[in-house]
Amino acid sequence: MDIARMSEFEEWEDKLQLKLSVLYDRLYLQELKDCMQLANAFTAPSVLSN
């Protein structure tokens, strides 16, 4: 690898890791919300059971 371009590559790699971290955090939070809604749906009294 060209030593002169090594810093460019490291900078690009750092930006990629930051973008992936943000993406994974958003996916985790969305999954958490979805799971909470699902759990609530199972525990909430059903309109049909009355």
PDB file of N, CA and C in Angstrom:
ATOM      1  N   MET A   1       0.852  -1.187   0.000  1.00  0.00           N
ATOM      2  CA  MET A   1       0.000   0.000   0.000  1.00  0.00           C
ATOM      3  C   MET A   1       0.891   1.240   0.000  1.00  0.00           C
ATOM      4  N   ASP A   2       0.449   2.250  -0.690  1.00  0.00           N
ATOM      5  CA  ASP A   2       1.181   3.501  -0.788  1.00  0.00           C
ATOM      6  C   ASP A   2       1.135   4.223   0.560  1.00  0.00           C
ATOM      7  N   ILE A   3       2.304   4.464   1.144  1.00  0.00           N
ATOM      8  CA  ILE A   3       2.389   5.120   2.456  1.00  0.00           C
ATOM      9  C   ILE A   3       1.817   6.537   2.410  1.00  0.00           C
ATOM     10  N   ALA A   4       1.953   7.220   1.299  1.00  0.00           N
ATOM     11  CA  ALA A   4       1.466   8.593   1.166  1.00  0.00           C
ATOM     12  C   ALA A   4      -0.051   8.655   1.277  1.00  0.00           C
ATOM     13  N   ARG A   5      -0.741   7.591   0.884  1.00  0.00           N
ATOM     14  CA  ARG A   5      -2.208   7.591   0.912  1.00  0.00           C
ATOM     15  C   ARG A   5      -2.759   6.905   2.157  1.00  0.00           C
ATOM     16  N   MET A   6      -1.891   6.438   3.035  1.00  0.00           N
ATOM     17  CA  MET A   6      -2.314   5.713   4.223  1.00  0.00           C
ATOM     18  C   MET A   6      -3.215   6.575   5.119  1.00  0.00           C
ATOM     19  N   SER A   7      -2.890   7.839   5.290  1.00  0.00           N
ATOM     20  CA  SER A   7      -3.706   8.704   6.149  1.00  0.00           C
ATOM     21  C   SER A   7      -5.106   8.909   5.561  1.00  0.00           C
ATOM     22  N   GLU A   8      -5.203   9.000   4.236  1.00  0.00           N
ATOM     23  CA  GLU A   8      -6.515   9.122   3.585  1.00  0.00           C
ATOM     24  C   GLU A   8      -7.361   7.886   3.864  1.00  0.00           C
ATOM     25  N   PHE A   9      -6.739   6.740   3.756  1.00  0.00           N
ATOM     26  CA  PHE A   9      -7.449   5.492   3.999  1.00  0.00           C
ATOM     27  C   PHE A   9      -7.900   5.397   5.454  1.00  0.00           C
ATOM     28  N   GLU A  10      -7.043   5.772   6.383  1.00  0.00           N
ATOM     29  CA  GLU A  10      -7.398   5.729   7.804  1.00  0.00           C
ATOM     30  C   GLU A  10      -8.548   6.673   8.112  1.00  0.00           C
ATOM     31  N   GLU A  11      -8.539   7.846   7.488  1.00  0.00           N
ATOM     32  CA  GLU A  11      -9.629   8.803   7.687  1.00  0.00           C
ATOM     33  C   GLU A  11     -10.941   8.241   7.141  1.00  0.00           C
ATOM     34  N   TRP A  12     -10.886   7.650   5.963  1.00  0.00           N
ATOM     35  CA  TRP A  12     -12.076   7.031   5.365  1.00  0.00           C
ATOM     36  C   TRP A  12     -12.586   5.897   6.241  1.00  0.00           C
ATOM     37  N   GLU A  13     -11.673   5.091   6.759  1.00  0.00           N
ATOM     38  CA  GLU A  13     -12.039   3.967   7.607  1.00  0.00           C
ATOM     39  C   GLU A  13     -12.700   4.454   8.904  1.00  0.00           C
ATOM     40  N   ASP A  14     -12.192   5.528   9.479  1.00  0.00           N
ATOM     41  CA  ASP A  14     -12.785   6.103  10.695  1.00  0.00           C
ATOM     42  C   ASP A  14     -14.203   6.602  10.437  1.00  0.00           C
ATOM     43  N   LYS A  15     -14.402   7.267   9.300  1.00  0.00           N
ATOM     44  CA  LYS A  15     -15.736   7.764   8.951  1.00  0.00           C
ATOM     45  C   LYS A  15     -16.706   6.610   8.736  1.00  0.00           C
ATOM     46  N   LEU A  16     -16.232   5.559   8.088  1.00  0.00           N
ATOM     47  CA  LEU A  16     -17.072   4.386   7.865  1.00  0.00           C
ATOM     48  C   LEU A  16     -17.484   3.760   9.198  1.00  0.00           C
ATOM     49  N   GLN A  17     -16.553   3.623  10.112  1.00  0.00           N
ATOM     50  CA  GLN A  17     -16.859   3.033  11.419  1.00  0.00           C
ATOM     51  C   GLN A  17     -17.873   3.887  12.187  1.00  0.00           C
ATOM     52  N   LEU A  18     -17.758   5.188  12.090  1.00  0.00           N
ATOM     53  CA  LEU A  18     -18.709   6.084  12.743  1.00  0.00           C
ATOM     54  C   LEU A  18     -20.099   5.926  12.143  1.00  0.00           C
ATOM     55  N   LYS A  19     -20.187   5.886  10.815  1.00  0.00           N
ATOM     56  CA  LYS A  19     -21.480   5.707  10.148  1.00  0.00           C
ATOM     57  C   LYS A  19     -22.115   4.372  10.534  1.00  0.00           C
ATOM     58  N   LEU A  20     -21.305   3.313  10.576  1.00  0.00           N
ATOM     59  CA  LEU A  20     -21.829   2.005  10.957  1.00  0.00           C
ATOM     60  C   LEU A  20     -22.300   1.993  12.409  1.00  0.00           C
ATOM     61  N   SER A  21     -21.579   2.670  13.278  1.00  0.00           N
ATOM     62  CA  SER A  21     -21.984   2.742  14.685  1.00  0.00           C
ATOM     63  C   SER A  21     -23.336   3.421  14.827  1.00  0.00           C
ATOM     64  N   VAL A  22     -23.527   4.518  14.116  1.00  0.00           N
ATOM     65  CA  VAL A  22     -24.802   5.226  14.161  1.00  0.00           C
ATOM     66  C   VAL A  22     -25.915   4.341  13.604  1.00  0.00           C
ATOM     67  N   LEU A  23     -25.654   3.666  12.510  1.00  0.00           N
ATOM     68  CA  LEU A  23     -26.634   2.776  11.904  1.00  0.00           C
ATOM     69  C   LEU A  23     -27.024   1.654  12.866  1.00  0.00           C
ATOM     70  N   TYR A  24     -26.038   1.011  13.479  1.00  0.00           N
ATOM     71  CA  TYR A  24     -26.322  -0.083  14.409  1.00  0.00           C
ATOM     72  C   TYR A  24     -27.082   0.400  15.633  1.00  0.00           C
ATOM     73  N   ASP A  25     -26.762   1.598  16.119  1.00  0.00           N
ATOM     74  CA  ASP A  25     -27.501   2.158  17.254  1.00  0.00           C
ATOM     75  C   ASP A  25     -28.966   2.390  16.894  1.00  0.00           C
ATOM     76  N   ARG A  26     -29.209   2.934  15.708  1.00  0.00           N
ATOM     77  CA  ARG A  26     -30.589   3.173  15.267  1.00  0.00           C
ATOM     78  C   ARG A  26     -31.353   1.865  15.096  1.00  0.00           C
ATOM     79  N   LEU A  27     -30.697   0.863  14.524  1.00  0.00           N
ATOM     80  CA  LEU A  27     -31.341  -0.440  14.361  1.00  0.00           C
ATOM     81  C   LEU A  27     -31.671  -1.063  15.716  1.00  0.00           C
ATOM     82  N   TYR A  28     -30.760  -0.951  16.669  1.00  0.00           N
ATOM     83  CA  TYR A  28     -30.986  -1.488  18.003  1.00  0.00           C
ATOM     84  C   TYR A  28     -32.182  -0.803  18.663  1.00  0.00           C
ATOM     85  N   LEU A  29     -32.232   0.516  18.593  1.00  0.00           N
ATOM     86  CA  LEU A  29     -33.336   1.249  19.210  1.00  0.00           C
ATOM     87  C   LEU A  29     -34.666   0.913  18.547  1.00  0.00           C
ATOM     88  N   GLN A  30     -34.676   0.760  17.223  1.00  0.00           N
ATOM     89  CA  GLN A  30     -35.919   0.399  16.536  1.00  0.00           C
ATOM     90  C   GLN A  30     -36.364  -1.000  16.948  1.00  0.00           C
ATOM     91  N   GLU A  31     -35.420  -1.922  17.058  1.00  0.00           N
ATOM     92  CA  GLU A  31     -35.762  -3.282  17.485  1.00  0.00           C
ATOM     93  C   GLU A  31     -36.305  -3.268  18.916  1.00  0.00           C
ATOM     94  N   LEU A  32     -35.718  -2.468  19.765  1.00  0.00           N
ATOM     95  CA  LEU A  32     -36.193  -2.352  21.142  1.00  0.00           C
ATOM     96  C   LEU A  32     -37.633  -1.825  21.180  1.00  0.00           C
ATOM     97  N   LYS A  33     -37.917  -0.801  20.390  1.00  0.00           N
ATOM     98  CA  LYS A  33     -39.278  -0.265  20.321  1.00  0.00           C
ATOM     99  C   LYS A  33     -40.262  -1.316  19.820  1.00  0.00           C
ATOM    100  N   ASP A  34     -39.858  -2.034  18.765  1.00  0.00           N
ATOM    101  CA  ASP A  34     -40.729  -3.064  18.195  1.00  0.00           C
ATOM    102  C   ASP A  34     -41.017  -4.164  19.213  1.00  0.00           C
ATOM    103  N   CYS A  35     -39.996  -4.573  19.948  1.00  0.00           N
ATOM    104  CA  CYS A  35     -40.178  -5.622  20.957  1.00  0.00           C
ATOM    105  C   CYS A  35     -41.093  -5.148  22.084  1.00  0.00           C
ATOM    106  N   MET A  36     -40.960  -3.891  22.471  1.00  0.00           N
ATOM    107  CA  MET A  36     -41.824  -3.357  23.524  1.00  0.00           C
ATOM    108  C   MET A  36     -43.273  -3.311  23.056  1.00  0.00           C
ATOM    109  N   GLN A  37     -43.500  -2.932  21.814  1.00  0.00           N
ATOM    110  CA  GLN A  37     -44.855  -2.907  21.273  1.00  0.00           C
ATOM    111  C   GLN A  37     -45.438  -4.312  21.202  1.00  0.00           C
ATOM    112  N   LEU A  38     -44.628  -5.275  20.826  1.00  0.00           N
ATOM    113  CA  LEU A  38     -45.079  -6.660  20.752  1.00  0.00           C
ATOM    114  C   LEU A  38     -45.418  -7.200  22.138  1.00  0.00           C
ATOM    115  N   ALA A  39     -44.552  -6.927  23.102  1.00  0.00           N
ATOM    116  CA  ALA A  39     -44.811  -7.367  24.470  1.00  0.00           C
ATOM    117  C   ALA A  39     -46.074  -6.720  25.015  1.00  0.00           C
ATOM    118  N   ASN A  40     -46.279  -5.452  24.708  1.00  0.00           N
ATOM    119  CA  ASN A  40     -47.476  -4.744  25.152  1.00  0.00           C
ATOM    120  C   ASN A  40     -48.722  -5.342  24.510  1.00  0.00           C
ATOM    121  N   ALA A  41     -48.620  -5.723  23.260  1.00  0.00           N
ATOM    122  CA  ALA A  41     -49.766  -6.310  22.559  1.00  0.00           C
ATOM    123  C   ALA A  41     -50.163  -7.645  23.195  1.00  0.00           C
ATOM    124  N   PHE A  42     -49.190  -8.399  23.678  1.00  0.00           N
ATOM    125  CA  PHE A  42     -49.486  -9.680  24.311  1.00  0.00           C
ATOM    126  C   PHE A  42     -50.046  -9.522  25.724  1.00  0.00           C
ATOM    127  N   THR A  43     -49.653  -8.448  26.402  1.00  0.00           N
ATOM    128  CA  THR A  43     -50.087  -8.269  27.789  1.00  0.00           C
ATOM    129  C   THR A  43     -51.335  -7.407  27.924  1.00  0.00           C
ATOM    130  N   ALA A  44     -51.644  -6.614  26.909  1.00  0.00           N
ATOM    131  CA  ALA A  44     -52.813  -5.742  26.970  1.00  0.00           C
ATOM    132  C   ALA A  44     -54.078  -6.576  26.830  1.00  0.00           C
ATOM    133  N   PRO A  45     -55.131  -6.218  27.552  1.00  0.00           N
ATOM    134  CA  PRO A  45     -56.376  -6.954  27.411  1.00  0.00           C
ATOM    135  C   PRO A  45     -56.936  -6.821  25.991  1.00  0.00           C
ATOM    136  N   SER A  46     -57.416  -7.889  25.466  1.00  0.00           N
ATOM    137  CA  SER A  46     -57.925  -7.896  24.100  1.00  0.00           C
ATOM    138  C   SER A  46     -59.372  -7.410  24.086  1.00  0.00           C
ATOM    139  N   VAL A  47     -59.727  -6.690  23.063  1.00  0.00           N
ATOM    140  CA  VAL A  47     -61.095  -6.206  22.875  1.00  0.00           C
ATOM    141  C   VAL A  47     -62.018  -7.402  22.612  1.00  0.00           C
ATOM    142  N   LEU A  48     -61.491  -8.405  21.952  1.00  0.00           N
ATOM    143  CA  LEU A  48     -62.297  -9.579  21.598  1.00  0.00           C
ATOM    144  C   LEU A  48     -62.577 -10.499  22.790  1.00  0.00           C
ATOM    145  N   SER A  49     -61.763 -10.407  23.848  1.00  0.00           N
ATOM    146  CA  SER A  49     -61.955 -11.319  24.972  1.00  0.00           C
ATOM    147  C   SER A  49     -63.098 -10.882  25.904  1.00  0.00           C
ATOM    148  N   ASN A  50     -63.643  -9.704  25.713  1.00  0.00           N
ATOM    149  CA  ASN A  50     -64.729  -9.222  26.582  1.00  0.00           C
ATOM    150  C   ASN A  50     -66.033  -9.818  26.237  1.00  0.00           C
TER     151      ASN A  50
END
